[in-house]
Amino acid sequence: MKDFKTIAIFTFQSEYTVLQHLLEQANLRYVFQNEMMISVLPFHSNAVGGIRLRVHINDIEKAKIIINSLEDNSHLSVV
């Protein structure tokens, strides 16, 4: 885990479900730290520091691009 760095923190698993699929499709090396503990004790998320997305240092830039693409809502429109 020494070659992995935390680049995002989430409170609940539902916040990163789509992101997880996109990271898998891109074949990036990542792990969600504290994921199991929060799934068992969801109201303890803040107490343990949330669910941390840790990405391999060689994949950080690609992961950040994916995260930023999810935050960009410009392609959404009200019908």
PDB file of N, CA and C in Angstrom:
ATOM      1  N   MET A   1       0.816  -1.204   0.000  1.00  0.00           N
ATOM      2  CA  MET A   1       0.000   0.000   0.000  1.00  0.00           C
ATOM      3  C   MET A   1       0.856   1.263   0.000  1.00  0.00           C
ATOM      4  N   LYS A   2       2.176   1.116   0.096  1.00  0.00           N
ATOM      5  CA  LYS A   2       3.016   2.310   0.143  1.00  0.00           C
ATOM      6  C   LYS A   2       3.038   3.053  -1.182  1.00  0.00           C
ATOM      7  N   ASP A   3       2.694   2.377  -2.283  1.00  0.00           N
ATOM      8  CA  ASP A   3       2.668   3.028  -3.587  1.00  0.00           C
ATOM      9  C   ASP A   3       1.293   3.582  -3.947  1.00  0.00           C
ATOM     10  N   PHE A   4       0.377   3.596  -2.989  1.00  0.00           N
ATOM     11  CA  PHE A   4      -0.970   4.103  -3.208  1.00  0.00           C
ATOM     12  C   PHE A   4      -1.153   5.398  -2.430  1.00  0.00           C
ATOM     13  N   LYS A   5      -1.925   6.318  -3.013  1.00  0.00           N
ATOM     14  CA  LYS A   5      -2.161   7.616  -2.382  1.00  0.00           C
ATOM     15  C   LYS A   5      -3.662   7.899  -2.356  1.00  0.00           C
ATOM     16  N   THR A   6      -4.148   8.481  -1.275  1.00  0.00           N
ATOM     17  CA  THR A   6      -5.553   8.850  -1.157  1.00  0.00           C
ATOM     18  C   THR A   6      -5.824  10.087  -2.007  1.00  0.00           C
ATOM     19  N   ILE A   7      -6.806   9.971  -2.915  1.00  0.00           N
ATOM     20  CA  ILE A   7      -7.136  11.119  -3.763  1.00  0.00           C
ATOM     21  C   ILE A   7      -8.580  11.584  -3.578  1.00  0.00           C
ATOM     22  N   ALA A   8      -9.386  10.814  -2.850  1.00  0.00           N
ATOM     23  CA  ALA A   8     -10.776  11.224  -2.601  1.00  0.00           C
ATOM     24  C   ALA A   8     -11.296  10.499  -1.363  1.00  0.00           C
ATOM     25  N   ILE A   9     -12.254  11.127  -0.694  1.00  0.00           N
ATOM     26  CA  ILE A   9     -12.873  10.536   0.495  1.00  0.00           C
ATOM     27  C   ILE A   9     -14.386  10.624   0.334  1.00  0.00           C
ATOM     28  N   PHE A  10     -15.065   9.518   0.617  1.00  0.00           N
ATOM     29  CA  PHE A  10     -16.516   9.441   0.487  1.00  0.00           C
ATOM     30  C   PHE A  10     -17.123   9.033   1.822  1.00  0.00           C
ATOM     31  N   THR A  11     -18.372   9.404   2.034  1.00  0.00           N
ATOM     32  CA  THR A  11     -19.067   9.061   3.267  1.00  0.00           C
ATOM     33  C   THR A  11     -19.801   7.736   3.142  1.00  0.00           C
ATOM     34  N   PHE A  12     -20.438   7.497   2.008  1.00  0.00           N
ATOM     35  CA  PHE A  12     -21.231   6.290   1.808  1.00  0.00           C
ATOM     36  C   PHE A  12     -20.836   5.612   0.500  1.00  0.00           C
ATOM     37  N   GLN A  13     -21.054   4.300   0.408  1.00  0.00           N
ATOM     38  CA  GLN A  13     -20.711   3.535  -0.788  1.00  0.00           C
ATOM     39  C   GLN A  13     -21.483   4.006  -2.015  1.00  0.00           C
ATOM     40  N   SER A  14     -22.681   4.456  -1.828  1.00  0.00           N
ATOM     41  CA  SER A  14     -23.505   4.880  -2.967  1.00  0.00           C
ATOM     42  C   SER A  14     -22.904   6.081  -3.696  1.00  0.00           C
ATOM     43  N   GLU A  15     -22.008   6.811  -3.054  1.00  0.00           N
ATOM     44  CA  GLU A  15     -21.416   8.001  -3.656  1.00  0.00           C
ATOM     45  C   GLU A  15     -20.381   7.680  -4.732  1.00  0.00           C
ATOM     46  N   TYR A  16     -19.862   6.471  -4.736  1.00  0.00           N
ATOM     47  CA  TYR A  16     -18.790   6.163  -5.682  1.00  0.00           C
ATOM     48  C   TYR A  16     -19.041   4.930  -6.550  1.00  0.00           C
ATOM     49  N   THR A  17     -20.244   4.447  -6.613  1.00  0.00           N
ATOM     50  CA  THR A  17     -20.545   3.242  -7.370  1.00  0.00           C
ATOM     51  C   THR A  17     -20.189   3.394  -8.848  1.00  0.00           C
ATOM     52  N   VAL A  18     -20.606   4.486  -9.464  1.00  0.00           N
ATOM     53  CA  VAL A  18     -20.305   4.720 -10.881  1.00  0.00           C
ATOM     54  C   VAL A  18     -18.799   4.905 -11.072  1.00  0.00           C
ATOM     55  N   LEU A  19     -18.184   5.646 -10.171  1.00  0.00           N
ATOM     56  CA  LEU A  19     -16.740   5.867 -10.239  1.00  0.00           C
ATOM     57  C   LEU A  19     -15.986   4.543 -10.191  1.00  0.00           C
ATOM     58  N   GLN A  20     -16.412   3.640  -9.344  1.00  0.00           N
ATOM     59  CA  GLN A  20     -15.756   2.344  -9.226  1.00  0.00           C
ATOM     60  C   GLN A  20     -15.788   1.587 -10.553  1.00  0.00           C
ATOM     61  N   HIS A  21     -16.911   1.610 -11.231  1.00  0.00           N
ATOM     62  CA  HIS A  21     -17.017   0.939 -12.529  1.00  0.00           C
ATOM     63  C   HIS A  21     -16.110   1.596 -13.570  1.00  0.00           C
ATOM     64  N   LEU A  22     -16.029   2.902 -13.553  1.00  0.00           N
ATOM     65  CA  LEU A  22     -15.171   3.610 -14.502  1.00  0.00           C
ATOM     66  C   LEU A  22     -13.691   3.331 -14.243  1.00  0.00           C
ATOM     67  N   LEU A  23     -13.307   3.239 -12.986  1.00  0.00           N
ATOM     68  CA  LEU A  23     -11.919   2.910 -12.652  1.00  0.00           C
ATOM     69  C   LEU A  23     -11.577   1.491 -13.110  1.00  0.00           C
ATOM     70  N   GLU A  24     -12.521   0.572 -12.950  1.00  0.00           N
ATOM     71  CA  GLU A  24     -12.305  -0.800 -13.405  1.00  0.00           C
ATOM     72  C   GLU A  24     -12.174  -0.859 -14.920  1.00  0.00           C
ATOM     73  N   GLN A  25     -13.033  -0.129 -15.635  1.00  0.00           N
ATOM     74  CA  GLN A  25     -12.964  -0.113 -17.097  1.00  0.00           C
ATOM     75  C   GLN A  25     -11.637   0.436 -17.596  1.00  0.00           C
ATOM     76  N   ALA A  26     -11.070   1.374 -16.865  1.00  0.00           N
ATOM     77  CA  ALA A  26      -9.795   1.983 -17.253  1.00  0.00           C
ATOM     78  C   ALA A  26      -8.598   1.150 -16.789  1.00  0.00           C
ATOM     79  N   ASN A  27      -8.859   0.033 -16.117  1.00  0.00           N
ATOM     80  CA  ASN A  27      -7.806  -0.855 -15.605  1.00  0.00           C
ATOM     81  C   ASN A  27      -6.826  -0.137 -14.680  1.00  0.00           C
ATOM     82  N   LEU A  28      -7.355   0.747 -13.837  1.00  0.00           N
ATOM     83  CA  LEU A  28      -6.514   1.463 -12.881  1.00  0.00           C
ATOM     84  C   LEU A  28      -6.391   0.643 -11.597  1.00  0.00           C
ATOM     85  N   ARG A  29      -5.277   0.794 -10.935  1.00  0.00           N
ATOM     86  CA  ARG A  29      -5.044   0.101  -9.668  1.00  0.00           C
ATOM     87  C   ARG A  29      -5.525   1.004  -8.536  1.00  0.00           C
ATOM     88  N   TYR A  30      -6.512   0.523  -7.782  1.00  0.00           N
ATOM     89  CA  TYR A  30      -7.122   1.319  -6.723  1.00  0.00           C
ATOM     90  C   TYR A  30      -7.668   0.406  -5.636  1.00  0.00           C
ATOM     91  N   VAL A  31      -7.969   1.015  -4.503  1.00  0.00           N
ATOM     92  CA  VAL A  31      -8.641   0.306  -3.420  1.00  0.00           C
ATOM     93  C   VAL A  31      -9.458   1.327  -2.636  1.00  0.00           C
ATOM     94  N   PHE A  32     -10.612   0.887  -2.152  1.00  0.00           N
ATOM     95  CA  PHE A  32     -11.423   1.729  -1.277  1.00  0.00           C
ATOM     96  C   PHE A  32     -11.158   1.275   0.155  1.00  0.00           C
ATOM     97  N   GLN A  33     -10.430   2.087   0.906  1.00  0.00           N
ATOM     98  CA  GLN A  33     -10.067   1.765   2.272  1.00  0.00           C
ATOM     99  C   GLN A  33     -11.237   2.087   3.202  1.00  0.00           C
ATOM    100  N   ASN A  34     -11.504   1.254   4.171  1.00  0.00           N
ATOM    101  CA  ASN A  34     -12.595   1.365   5.156  1.00  0.00           C
ATOM    102  C   ASN A  34     -13.948   0.995   4.560  1.00  0.00           C
ATOM    103  N   GLU A  35     -13.981   0.486   3.360  1.00  0.00           N
ATOM    104  CA  GLU A  35     -15.248   0.172   2.694  1.00  0.00           C
ATOM    105  C   GLU A  35     -16.064  -0.858   3.476  1.00  0.00           C
ATOM    106  N   MET A  36     -15.434  -1.923   3.921  1.00  0.00           N
ATOM    107  CA  MET A  36     -16.152  -2.986   4.633  1.00  0.00           C
ATOM    108  C   MET A  36     -16.682  -2.478   5.974  1.00  0.00           C
ATOM    109  N   MET A  37     -15.866  -1.728   6.696  1.00  0.00           N
ATOM    110  CA  MET A  37     -16.291  -1.222   8.008  1.00  0.00           C
ATOM    111  C   MET A  37     -17.507  -0.304   7.866  1.00  0.00           C
ATOM    112  N   ILE A  38     -17.490   0.565   6.859  1.00  0.00           N
ATOM    113  CA  ILE A  38     -18.609   1.500   6.669  1.00  0.00           C
ATOM    114  C   ILE A  38     -19.857   0.756   6.191  1.00  0.00           C
ATOM    115  N   SER A  39     -19.681  -0.331   5.438  1.00  0.00           N
ATOM    116  CA  SER A  39     -20.856  -1.088   4.999  1.00  0.00           C
ATOM    117  C   SER A  39     -21.547  -1.753   6.187  1.00  0.00           C
ATOM    118  N   VAL A  40     -20.794  -2.105   7.220  1.00  0.00           N
ATOM    119  CA  VAL A  40     -21.358  -2.720   8.421  1.00  0.00           C
ATOM    120  C   VAL A  40     -21.875  -1.662   9.391  1.00  0.00           C
ATOM    121  N   LEU A  41     -21.131  -0.572   9.536  1.00  0.00           N
ATOM    122  CA  LEU A  41     -21.486   0.504  10.468  1.00  0.00           C
ATOM    123  C   LEU A  41     -21.539   1.834   9.719  1.00  0.00           C
ATOM    124  N   PRO A  42     -22.566   2.069   8.896  1.00  0.00           N
ATOM    125  CA  PRO A  42     -22.584   3.252   8.036  1.00  0.00           C
ATOM    126  C   PRO A  42     -22.580   4.590   8.772  1.00  0.00           C
ATOM    127  N   PHE A  43     -23.081   4.634   9.980  1.00  0.00           N
ATOM    128  CA  PHE A  43     -23.123   5.905  10.697  1.00  0.00           C
ATOM    129  C   PHE A  43     -21.806   6.229  11.402  1.00  0.00           C
ATOM    130  N   HIS A  44     -20.827   5.347  11.263  1.00  0.00           N
ATOM    131  CA  HIS A  44     -19.505   5.581  11.832  1.00  0.00           C
ATOM    132  C   HIS A  44     -18.530   6.103  10.787  1.00  0.00           C
ATOM    133  N   SER A  45     -19.023   6.434   9.614  1.00  0.00           N
ATOM    134  CA  SER A  45     -18.168   6.859   8.515  1.00  0.00           C
ATOM    135  C   SER A  45     -17.280   8.040   8.887  1.00  0.00           C
ATOM    136  N   ASN A  46     -17.868   9.065   9.461  1.00  0.00           N
ATOM    137  CA  ASN A  46     -17.076  10.240   9.839  1.00  0.00           C
ATOM    138  C   ASN A  46     -16.080   9.923  10.948  1.00  0.00           C
ATOM    139  N   ALA A  47     -16.433   9.015  11.826  1.00  0.00           N
ATOM    140  CA  ALA A  47     -15.552   8.667  12.940  1.00  0.00           C
ATOM    141  C   ALA A  47     -14.268   7.982  12.475  1.00  0.00           C
ATOM    142  N   VAL A  48     -14.357   7.208  11.388  1.00  0.00           N
ATOM    143  CA  VAL A  48     -13.171   6.491  10.895  1.00  0.00           C
ATOM    144  C   VAL A  48     -12.508   7.216   9.728  1.00  0.00           C
ATOM    145  N   GLY A  49     -13.012   8.382   9.399  1.00  0.00           N
ATOM    146  CA  GLY A  49     -12.387   9.168   8.327  1.00  0.00           C
ATOM    147  C   GLY A  49     -12.941   8.899   6.944  1.00  0.00           C
ATOM    148  N   GLY A  50     -14.089   8.266   6.860  1.00  0.00           N
ATOM    149  CA  GLY A  50     -14.733   8.027   5.580  1.00  0.00           C
ATOM    150  C   GLY A  50     -14.109   6.885   4.799  1.00  0.00           C
ATOM    151  N   ILE A  51     -14.627   6.680   3.612  1.00  0.00           N
ATOM    152  CA  ILE A  51     -14.114   5.659   2.705  1.00  0.00           C
ATOM    153  C   ILE A  51     -13.108   6.347   1.797  1.00  0.00           C
ATOM    154  N   ARG A  52     -11.876   5.912   1.867  1.00  0.00           N
ATOM    155  CA  ARG A  52     -10.785   6.578   1.151  1.00  0.00           C
ATOM    156  C   ARG A  52     -10.482   5.853  -0.157  1.00  0.00           C
ATOM    157  N   LEU A  53     -10.502   6.611  -1.242  1.00  0.00           N
ATOM    158  CA  LEU A  53     -10.097   6.068  -2.531  1.00  0.00           C
ATOM    159  C   LEU A  53      -8.584   6.213  -2.628  1.00  0.00           C
ATOM    160  N   ARG A  54      -7.895   5.085  -2.626  1.00  0.00           N
ATOM    161  CA  ARG A  54      -6.439   5.079  -2.742  1.00  0.00           C
ATOM    162  C   ARG A  54      -6.076   4.520  -4.112  1.00  0.00           C
ATOM    163  N   VAL A  55      -5.276   5.290  -4.848  1.00  0.00           N
ATOM    164  CA  VAL A  55      -4.921   4.947  -6.222  1.00  0.00           C
ATOM    165  C   VAL A  55      -3.402   4.806  -6.312  1.00  0.00           C
ATOM    166  N   HIS A  56      -2.961   3.860  -7.136  1.00  0.00           N
ATOM    167  CA  HIS A  56      -1.517   3.686  -7.344  1.00  0.00           C
ATOM    168  C   HIS A  56      -0.943   4.978  -7.910  1.00  0.00           C
ATOM    169  N   ILE A  57       0.257   5.337  -7.477  1.00  0.00           N
ATOM    170  CA  ILE A  57       0.843   6.628  -7.855  1.00  0.00           C
ATOM    171  C   ILE A  57       0.989   6.789  -9.366  1.00  0.00           C
ATOM    172  N   ASN A  58       1.128   5.701 -10.107  1.00  0.00           N
ATOM    173  CA  ASN A  58       1.245   5.801 -11.567  1.00  0.00           C
ATOM    174  C   ASN A  58      -0.103   6.028 -12.254  1.00  0.00           C
ATOM    175  N   ASP A  59      -1.201   5.814 -11.535  1.00  0.00           N
ATOM    176  CA  ASP A  59      -2.543   5.937 -12.112  1.00  0.00           C
ATOM    177  C   ASP A  59      -3.308   7.153 -11.599  1.00  0.00           C
ATOM    178  N   ILE A  60      -2.667   7.991 -10.785  1.00  0.00           N
ATOM    179  CA  ILE A  60      -3.367   9.110 -10.148  1.00  0.00           C
ATOM    180  C   ILE A  60      -3.925  10.097 -11.168  1.00  0.00           C
ATOM    181  N   GLU A  61      -3.157  10.481 -12.148  1.00  0.00           N
ATOM    182  CA  GLU A  61      -3.616  11.472 -13.129  1.00  0.00           C
ATOM    183  C   GLU A  61      -4.839  10.971 -13.894  1.00  0.00           C
ATOM    184  N   LYS A  62      -4.807   9.718 -14.319  1.00  0.00           N
ATOM    185  CA  LYS A  62      -5.954   9.150 -15.041  1.00  0.00           C
ATOM    186  C   LYS A  62      -7.190   9.102 -14.142  1.00  0.00           C
ATOM    187  N   ALA A  63      -6.990   8.742 -12.886  1.00  0.00           N
ATOM    188  CA  ALA A  63      -8.111   8.673 -11.944  1.00  0.00           C
ATOM    189  C   ALA A  63      -8.711  10.054 -11.703  1.00  0.00           C
ATOM    190  N   LYS A  64      -7.865  11.068 -11.594  1.00  0.00           N
ATOM    191  CA  LYS A  64      -8.366  12.426 -11.392  1.00  0.00           C
ATOM    192  C   LYS A  64      -9.166  12.908 -12.591  1.00  0.00           C
ATOM    193  N   ILE A  65      -8.756  12.541 -13.785  1.00  0.00           N
ATOM    194  CA  ILE A  65      -9.507  12.908 -14.992  1.00  0.00           C
ATOM    195  C   ILE A  65     -10.894  12.277 -14.951  1.00  0.00           C
ATOM    196  N   ILE A  66     -10.968  11.025 -14.538  1.00  0.00           N
ATOM    197  CA  ILE A  66     -12.260  10.336 -14.443  1.00  0.00           C
ATOM    198  C   ILE A  66     -13.138  11.005 -13.397  1.00  0.00           C
ATOM    199  N   ILE A  67     -12.585  11.329 -12.247  1.00  0.00           N
ATOM    200  CA  ILE A  67     -13.355  11.991 -11.183  1.00  0.00           C
ATOM    201  C   ILE A  67     -13.859  13.348 -11.657  1.00  0.00           C
ATOM    202  N   ASN A  68     -13.002  14.114 -12.300  1.00  0.00           N
ATOM    203  CA  ASN A  68     -13.406  15.438 -12.794  1.00  0.00           C
ATOM    204  C   ASN A  68     -14.486  15.341 -13.858  1.00  0.00           C
ATOM    205  N   SER A  69     -14.447  14.294 -14.670  1.00  0.00           N
ATOM    206  CA  SER A  69     -15.480  14.132 -15.705  1.00  0.00           C
ATOM    207  C   SER A  69     -16.844  13.863 -15.077  1.00  0.00           C
ATOM    208  N   LEU A  70     -16.861  13.224 -13.921  1.00  0.00           N
ATOM    209  CA  LEU A  70     -18.131  12.976 -13.222  1.00  0.00           C
ATOM    210  C   LEU A  70     -18.680  14.240 -12.586  1.00  0.00           C
ATOM    211  N   GLU A  71     -17.808  15.154 -12.207  1.00  0.00           N
ATOM    212  CA  GLU A  71     -18.238  16.399 -11.571  1.00  0.00           C
ATOM    213  C   GLU A  71     -18.712  17.430 -12.577  1.00  0.00           C
ATOM    214  N   ASP A  72     -18.400  17.244 -13.852  1.00  0.00           N
ATOM    215  CA  ASP A  72     -18.792  18.173 -14.895  1.00  0.00           C
ATOM    216  C   ASP A  72     -20.234  17.878 -15.317  1.00  0.00           C
ATOM    217  N   ASN A  73     -21.146  18.746 -14.959  1.00  0.00           N
ATOM    218  CA  ASN A  73     -22.566  18.553 -15.273  1.00  0.00           C
ATOM    219  C   ASN A  73     -22.998  19.289 -16.531  1.00  0.00           C
ATOM    220  N   SER A  74     -22.067  19.801 -17.309  1.00  0.00           N
ATOM    221  CA  SER A  74     -22.424  20.612 -18.464  1.00  0.00           C
ATOM    222  C   SER A  74     -23.165  19.824 -19.544  1.00  0.00           C
ATOM    223  N   HIS A  75     -23.013  18.512 -19.550  1.00  0.00           N
ATOM    224  CA  HIS A  75     -23.686  17.701 -20.564  1.00  0.00           C
ATOM    225  C   HIS A  75     -25.126  17.349 -20.161  1.00  0.00           C
ATOM    226  N   LEU A  76     -25.535  17.708 -18.956  1.00  0.00           N
ATOM    227  CA  LEU A  76     -26.891  17.430 -18.492  1.00  0.00           C
ATOM    228  C   LEU A  76     -27.814  18.590 -18.846  1.00  0.00           C
ATOM    229  N   SER A  77     -29.034  18.251 -19.201  1.00  0.00           N
ATOM    230  CA  SER A  77     -30.003  19.294 -19.498  1.00  0.00           C
ATOM    231  C   SER A  77     -31.376  18.874 -18.997  1.00  0.00           C
ATOM    232  N   VAL A  78     -32.180  19.861 -18.669  1.00  0.00           N
ATOM    233  CA  VAL A  78     -33.534  19.596 -18.207  1.00  0.00           C
ATOM    234  C   VAL A  78     -34.427  19.472 -19.436  1.00  0.00           C
ATOM    235  N   VAL A  79     -35.193  18.418 -19.472  1.00  0.00           N
ATOM    236  CA  VAL A  79     -36.068  18.192 -20.630  1.00  0.00           C
ATOM    237  C   VAL A  79     -37.480  18.593 -20.278  1.00  0.00           C
TER     238      VAL A  79
END
